[in-house]
Amino acid sequence: MEEVAEFLARQVVREEGDEPGLRWASVAVVLRGGAVREAELLFIRRAERAGDPWSGHVAFPGGRHDATDLSLEATARRETREELGFDPAVGGRLLGRLDDLRPRNASLPKIVVRPFVYAVAAAPALRPNEEVRSAFWTPLSRLLDPVVRAEHVFEHASGRVRFPAYRLDDDVVWGLTERITTQLLLRLREGGLLG
């Protein structure tokens, strides 16, 4: 994964500016494996919770920045420890960052998500907490297969909205998670690291 770290270090990432009322969050985009072409990506299925706009969605481990976190990277590590019982930088390493993203749906909280990319050589023991229904690894090669690309239709009070998605058996990766996943895959392809 050294080539991923070197490539991401050369990339200019888009950072959002702070503004009144804006909340910050971060996620851990965790790759497992020795070579990029055989790597797998870690996803979680969020637990069903009333009042959580991302309830039941497929996501990356992560969450809102806490005042006790020294940085947004510390937030990604803390949230991964809380949600899955492991720290991606312990037994793994930070490879770099991706662009900051905001939800495109105005009904969602005013939040910016900063993705941090990590690599772990071996599969850590995953111990989901009450916020996580389950966790699973998906090969990057599967995400590159056009057959898994799909459209997700989300229905809410103002009507139907269509989103690009990845359909992985019974799971649908859409919204911010799809955007982060697509950004990662595009960057790795641009760097000649994926076919």
Foldseek 3Di string as FASTA:
>chain_A
DLLLLVLQVPDDAAEDDDDPQEWEKEAEFEWEADAQQFIWTKWFQWDADPPDPCHRAIAGQMDTDDPPQPDNLSRRQVRQCQFWNHGLPVQKNWSHWHYWDAFPDPVDRRYIYTYTYMYHHDDDHTDGDNGTPGMDIGTLVLVVDPVQWDWDWDADDVGIDIFIWGHDPPHIQTTPRRVVSVRSNVSCVVSVRYD
